[in-house]
Amino acid sequence: MIAAIVAISFMRDAKPGPRDHVAAYIQQVNRTATGFSGDFATVQQAYRSFALAPKAAEKQVPVLRRSLRKLHALRLRMQRIAPPPEAAALHTKLVAYYRQQEAVAAELLATARYVPLLASAEGPLAAANTKMRTALSTEKTGDGQAAALDDYAASIGRARAAIQKLDPPPLFVVSTNSQIARMGRSERVVRRLAAALEAKDSVALNQAIKDMAKPDAPSTAAARAAVLAYNHRVEKIARLGAAVQRERTRLSNDLR
């Protein structure tokens, strides 16, 4: 990642001029910027922990909340520094750079809060699936097996409804919508299977079994989508940092 500190060296004139004003501005910027690197490093560490162990995401909430608070305060301090006219473009790029770091921290905090809610909404499905499989292996009649399937379909429906009530952060919008669609499909197929058993309709039964065997998107797809989205945010930070460095170089050359 591009360094936050802006390094520009100027020769001092006997009388203060544009170079001196820019140098004073840079000193203010650097004093403020030193607080950013440590707090955003905390955000990056929290992201790595989340990527490796998403189920432990809730543990990251306090540290992310503190880091976001600091990043927000520091970004405001940076934004309030009044640049000389010669450094106006540099100031705009610096603020954009730090604003994006703050945005990433906010998004990751929202994700750390969301993952436990998603897990809670999905939680009952594991027990429901086990109950359904046990009933299918012990029930001797089609009606009994159909009732077990109907119960399981109802459990899928409740979990799907619970997930639909959640407000996913941007990193999870696409994957959550895909998950809701997959659950709706599973619910419909299970109900078709139950109806076929009750009706003793072998053709419909075979088709429902075939549809159940069709692979859904792997459960890791949501995590991969979130990782890719996060990486795009970090790449944007790097591009903004590079723009800061280019403007720094231009300013240094123009004010020699």
Protein backbone atom coordinates (compact mmCIF):
# COMPACT_ATOMS: atom_id res chain seq x y z
CA MET A 1 0.00 0.00 0.00
CA ILE A 2 1.20 3.52 -0.76
CA ALA A 3 2.73 5.23 2.24
CA ALA A 4 0.50 7.81 3.85
CA ILE A 5 3.30 10.25 4.62
CA VAL A 6 3.88 12.83 1.91
CA ALA A 7 7.59 13.54 1.53
CA ILE A 8 8.50 16.80 -0.20
CA SER A 9 11.72 18.70 0.30
CA PHE A 10 12.04 22.38 -0.51
CA MET A 11 14.85 24.87 -0.35
CA ARG A 12 13.87 27.76 1.90
CA ASP A 13 13.68 31.25 0.45
CA ALA A 14 14.69 34.30 2.49
CA LYS A 15 11.10 35.49 2.22
CA PRO A 16 8.23 33.00 2.77
CA GLY A 17 6.63 32.06 -0.52
CA PRO A 18 4.57 29.25 -2.09
CA ARG A 19 7.21 26.64 -1.33
CA ASP A 20 7.22 27.55 2.36
CA HIS A 21 3.43 27.51 2.52
CA VAL A 22 3.29 24.09 0.88
CA ALA A 23 6.03 22.81 3.17
CA ALA A 24 4.05 23.97 6.23
CA TYR A 25 0.93 22.29 4.87
CA ILE A 26 2.83 19.05 4.29
CA GLN A 27 4.09 19.11 7.87
CA GLN A 28 0.52 19.35 9.13
CA VAL A 29 -0.56 16.55 6.83
CA ASN A 30 2.26 14.29 7.96
CA ARG A 31 1.53 14.85 11.63
CA THR A 32 -2.09 13.87 11.02
CA ALA A 33 -1.29 10.98 8.68
CA THR A 34 0.85 9.11 11.19
CA GLY A 35 -2.32 8.02 12.99
CA PHE A 36 -3.83 6.41 9.92
CA SER A 37 -1.33 3.65 9.20
CA GLY A 38 -1.67 1.92 12.56
CA ASP A 39 -5.45 2.00 12.63
CA PHE A 40 -5.88 0.81 9.07
CA ALA A 41 -3.35 -1.96 9.75
CA THR A 42 -5.73 -3.07 12.51
CA VAL A 43 -8.55 -3.17 9.95
CA GLN A 44 -6.44 -5.28 7.59
CA GLN A 45 -5.55 -7.69 10.39
CA ALA A 46 -9.22 -8.01 11.30
CA TYR A 47 -10.02 -8.78 7.66
CA ARG A 48 -7.37 -11.51 7.53
CA SER A 49 -8.85 -13.02 10.70
CA PHE A 50 -12.32 -12.85 9.17
CA ALA A 51 -11.15 -14.50 5.92
CA LEU A 52 -9.57 -17.36 7.85
CA ALA A 53 -12.31 -17.78 10.45
CA PRO A 54 -15.57 -16.05 9.43
CA LYS A 55 -17.45 -17.71 12.30
CA ALA A 56 -15.33 -15.69 14.73
CA ALA A 57 -16.20 -12.41 12.99
CA GLU A 58 -18.18 -11.10 15.96
CA LYS A 59 -15.00 -11.03 18.06
CA GLN A 60 -13.60 -8.41 15.67
CA VAL A 61 -16.44 -5.95 16.24
CA PRO A 62 -14.97 -4.03 19.24
CA VAL A 63 -11.54 -3.53 17.69
CA LEU A 64 -13.05 -2.57 14.32
CA ARG A 65 -15.40 -0.11 15.99
CA ARG A 66 -12.48 1.58 17.77
CA SER A 67 -10.38 1.69 14.61
CA LEU A 68 -13.23 3.14 12.57
CA ARG A 69 -13.82 5.83 15.19
CA LYS A 70 -10.15 6.83 15.03
CA LEU A 71 -10.02 6.71 11.23
CA HIS A 72 -13.10 8.92 11.03
CA ALA A 73 -11.67 11.49 13.45
CA LEU A 74 -8.31 11.53 11.68
CA ARG A 75 -9.91 11.87 8.26
CA LEU A 76 -11.90 14.88 9.51
CA ARG A 77 -8.73 16.45 10.90
CA MET A 78 -7.04 15.90 7.55
CA GLN A 79 -10.02 17.35 5.70
CA ARG A 80 -10.00 20.50 7.84
CA ILE A 81 -6.38 21.34 7.09
CA ALA A 82 -6.45 24.38 4.80
CA PRO A 83 -4.05 23.82 1.91
CA PRO A 84 -2.33 26.65 0.04
CA PRO A 85 -3.64 27.06 -3.53
CA GLU A 86 -0.66 25.16 -4.94
CA ALA A 87 -1.52 22.07 -2.85
CA ALA A 88 -5.30 22.10 -3.42
CA ALA A 89 -5.20 19.13 -5.83
CA LEU A 90 -2.96 17.18 -3.48
CA HIS A 91 -5.32 17.87 -0.58
CA THR A 92 -8.31 16.60 -2.57
CA LYS A 93 -6.49 13.37 -3.41
CA LEU A 94 -5.32 12.88 0.17
CA VAL A 95 -8.83 13.27 1.56
CA ALA A 96 -10.18 10.80 -1.03
CA TYR A 97 -7.44 8.34 -0.09
CA TYR A 98 -8.23 8.45 3.61
CA ARG A 99 -11.98 8.52 3.05
CA GLN A 100 -11.69 5.22 1.17
CA GLN A 101 -9.75 3.66 4.04
CA GLU A 102 -12.50 4.78 6.40
CA ALA A 103 -15.15 3.35 4.07
CA VAL A 104 -13.44 -0.03 3.96
CA ALA A 105 -13.23 -0.09 7.75
CA ALA A 106 -16.94 0.75 8.01
CA GLU A 107 -17.85 -1.97 5.53
CA LEU A 108 -15.79 -4.57 7.33
CA LEU A 109 -17.40 -3.60 10.64
CA ALA A 110 -20.83 -4.05 9.05
CA THR A 111 -19.71 -7.44 7.75
CA ALA A 112 -18.44 -8.54 11.17
CA ARG A 113 -21.85 -7.64 12.61
CA TYR A 114 -23.75 -9.34 9.78
CA VAL A 115 -22.04 -12.73 9.72
CA PRO A 116 -23.31 -13.81 13.18
CA LEU A 117 -26.84 -12.74 12.24
CA LEU A 118 -26.63 -14.80 9.05
CA ALA A 119 -25.32 -17.80 10.97
CA SER A 120 -28.17 -17.47 13.48
CA ALA A 121 -30.76 -17.39 10.68
CA GLU A 122 -29.23 -20.48 9.06
CA GLY A 123 -28.64 -22.31 12.34
CA PRO A 124 -31.91 -24.27 12.66
CA LEU A 125 -31.45 -25.84 9.22
CA ALA A 126 -28.75 -28.28 10.35
CA ALA A 127 -31.01 -29.85 13.00
CA ALA A 128 -33.97 -29.82 10.60
CA ASN A 129 -31.93 -31.63 7.97
CA THR A 130 -30.82 -34.28 10.47
CA LYS A 131 -34.41 -34.78 11.62
CA MET A 132 -35.62 -35.12 8.04
CA ARG A 133 -32.94 -37.70 7.15
CA THR A 134 -33.70 -39.72 10.27
CA ALA A 135 -37.42 -39.73 9.46
CA LEU A 136 -36.79 -40.80 5.86
CA SER A 137 -34.71 -43.75 7.05
CA THR A 138 -37.23 -44.90 9.67
CA GLU A 139 -40.62 -44.09 8.15
CA LYS A 140 -42.06 -47.03 6.23
CA THR A 141 -44.88 -45.24 4.44
CA GLY A 142 -44.83 -42.66 1.69
CA ASP A 143 -47.17 -40.45 3.71
CA GLY A 144 -44.81 -40.49 6.67
CA GLN A 145 -41.83 -39.64 4.50
CA ALA A 146 -43.83 -36.90 2.76
CA ALA A 147 -44.70 -35.36 6.14
CA ALA A 148 -41.00 -35.32 7.08
CA LEU A 149 -40.16 -33.61 3.80
CA ASP A 150 -42.91 -31.05 4.29
CA ASP A 151 -41.54 -30.25 7.74
CA TYR A 152 -38.07 -29.81 6.29
CA ALA A 153 -39.38 -27.58 3.50
CA ALA A 154 -41.09 -25.44 6.14
CA SER A 155 -37.78 -25.13 7.99
CA ILE A 156 -36.06 -23.98 4.82
CA GLY A 157 -38.83 -21.44 4.31
CA ARG A 158 -38.45 -20.05 7.82
CA ALA A 159 -34.69 -19.76 7.46
CA ARG A 160 -35.07 -18.09 4.09
CA ALA A 161 -37.57 -15.61 5.52
CA ALA A 162 -35.21 -14.83 8.40
CA ILE A 163 -32.35 -14.15 5.97
CA GLN A 164 -34.57 -11.96 3.81
CA LYS A 165 -35.17 -9.72 6.85
CA LEU A 166 -31.44 -9.10 7.26
CA ASP A 167 -29.75 -6.05 5.82
CA PRO A 168 -26.53 -7.38 4.25
CA PRO A 169 -23.53 -5.06 3.92
CA PRO A 170 -22.33 -4.31 0.37
CA LEU A 171 -19.78 -7.13 0.50
CA PHE A 172 -22.58 -9.67 0.95
CA VAL A 173 -25.48 -8.30 -1.09
CA VAL A 174 -24.91 -10.46 -4.18
CA SER A 175 -24.07 -13.64 -2.29
CA THR A 176 -27.01 -13.22 0.11
CA ASN A 177 -29.46 -12.75 -2.76
CA SER A 178 -28.03 -15.86 -4.43
CA GLN A 179 -28.39 -17.81 -1.20
CA ILE A 180 -32.04 -16.74 -0.83
CA ALA A 181 -32.72 -17.85 -4.40
CA ARG A 182 -31.05 -21.25 -3.80
CA MET A 183 -33.04 -21.80 -0.63
CA GLY A 184 -36.27 -20.98 -2.46
CA ARG A 185 -35.39 -23.54 -5.12
CA SER A 186 -34.57 -26.18 -2.49
CA GLU A 187 -37.84 -25.52 -0.68
CA ARG A 188 -39.84 -25.94 -3.89
CA VAL A 189 -38.06 -29.17 -4.88
CA VAL A 190 -38.53 -30.71 -1.42
CA ARG A 191 -42.26 -29.88 -1.50
CA ARG A 192 -42.54 -31.42 -4.98
CA LEU A 193 -40.87 -34.55 -3.67
CA ALA A 194 -43.31 -34.70 -0.75
CA ALA A 195 -46.29 -34.21 -3.06
CA ALA A 196 -45.05 -36.96 -5.38
CA LEU A 197 -44.70 -39.37 -2.46
CA GLU A 198 -48.20 -38.59 -1.24
CA ALA A 199 -49.62 -39.01 -4.73
CA LYS A 200 -47.50 -42.11 -5.41
CA ASP A 201 -46.55 -40.44 -8.70
CA SER A 202 -43.37 -42.23 -9.78
CA VAL A 203 -42.71 -39.91 -12.73
CA ALA A 204 -42.91 -36.76 -10.59
CA LEU A 205 -40.94 -38.51 -7.86
CA ASN A 206 -38.07 -39.38 -10.19
CA GLN A 207 -37.99 -35.86 -11.60
CA ALA A 208 -37.93 -34.30 -8.14
CA ILE A 209 -35.10 -36.62 -7.11
CA LYS A 210 -33.14 -35.59 -10.22
CA ASP A 211 -33.72 -31.92 -9.45
CA MET A 212 -32.53 -32.41 -5.88
CA ALA A 213 -29.33 -33.93 -7.21
CA LYS A 214 -28.52 -30.86 -9.31
CA PRO A 215 -25.59 -29.09 -7.65
CA ASP A 216 -26.14 -25.69 -6.11
CA ALA A 217 -23.41 -23.09 -5.92
CA PRO A 218 -20.89 -24.18 -3.28
CA SER A 219 -21.22 -22.69 0.17
CA THR A 220 -17.75 -21.16 -0.21
CA ALA A 221 -19.00 -18.96 -3.06
CA ALA A 222 -20.29 -16.32 -0.65
CA ALA A 223 -16.96 -16.11 1.14
CA ARG A 224 -15.07 -15.91 -2.16
CA ALA A 225 -17.38 -13.16 -3.39
CA ALA A 226 -16.80 -11.18 -0.21
CA VAL A 227 -13.03 -11.62 -0.49
CA LEU A 228 -13.04 -10.42 -4.10
CA ALA A 229 -15.20 -7.42 -3.25
CA TYR A 230 -12.93 -6.49 -0.36
CA ASN A 231 -9.86 -6.86 -2.55
CA HIS A 232 -11.40 -4.47 -5.07
CA ARG A 233 -11.81 -1.90 -2.29
CA VAL A 234 -8.18 -2.31 -1.26
CA GLU A 235 -7.07 -1.99 -4.89
CA LYS A 236 -8.97 1.30 -5.05
CA ILE A 237 -7.08 2.50 -1.97
CA ALA A 238 -3.81 1.64 -3.72
CA ARG A 239 -4.88 3.57 -6.84
CA LEU A 240 -5.81 6.60 -4.74
CA GLY A 241 -2.49 6.35 -2.94
CA ALA A 242 -0.66 6.24 -6.27
CA ALA A 243 -2.56 9.36 -7.36
CA VAL A 244 -1.36 11.10 -4.18
CA GLN A 245 2.22 10.19 -4.98
CA ARG A 246 1.92 11.41 -8.57
CA GLU A 247 0.55 14.74 -7.39
CA ARG A 248 3.30 14.95 -4.79
CA THR A 249 5.91 14.47 -7.50
CA ARG A 250 4.29 17.07 -9.76
CA LEU A 251 4.09 19.58 -6.94
CA SER A 252 7.69 18.97 -5.93
CA ASN A 253 8.89 19.48 -9.51
CA ASP A 254 6.79 22.60 -10.10
CA LEU A 255 7.98 24.29 -6.92
CA ARG A 256 11.69 23.66 -7.22
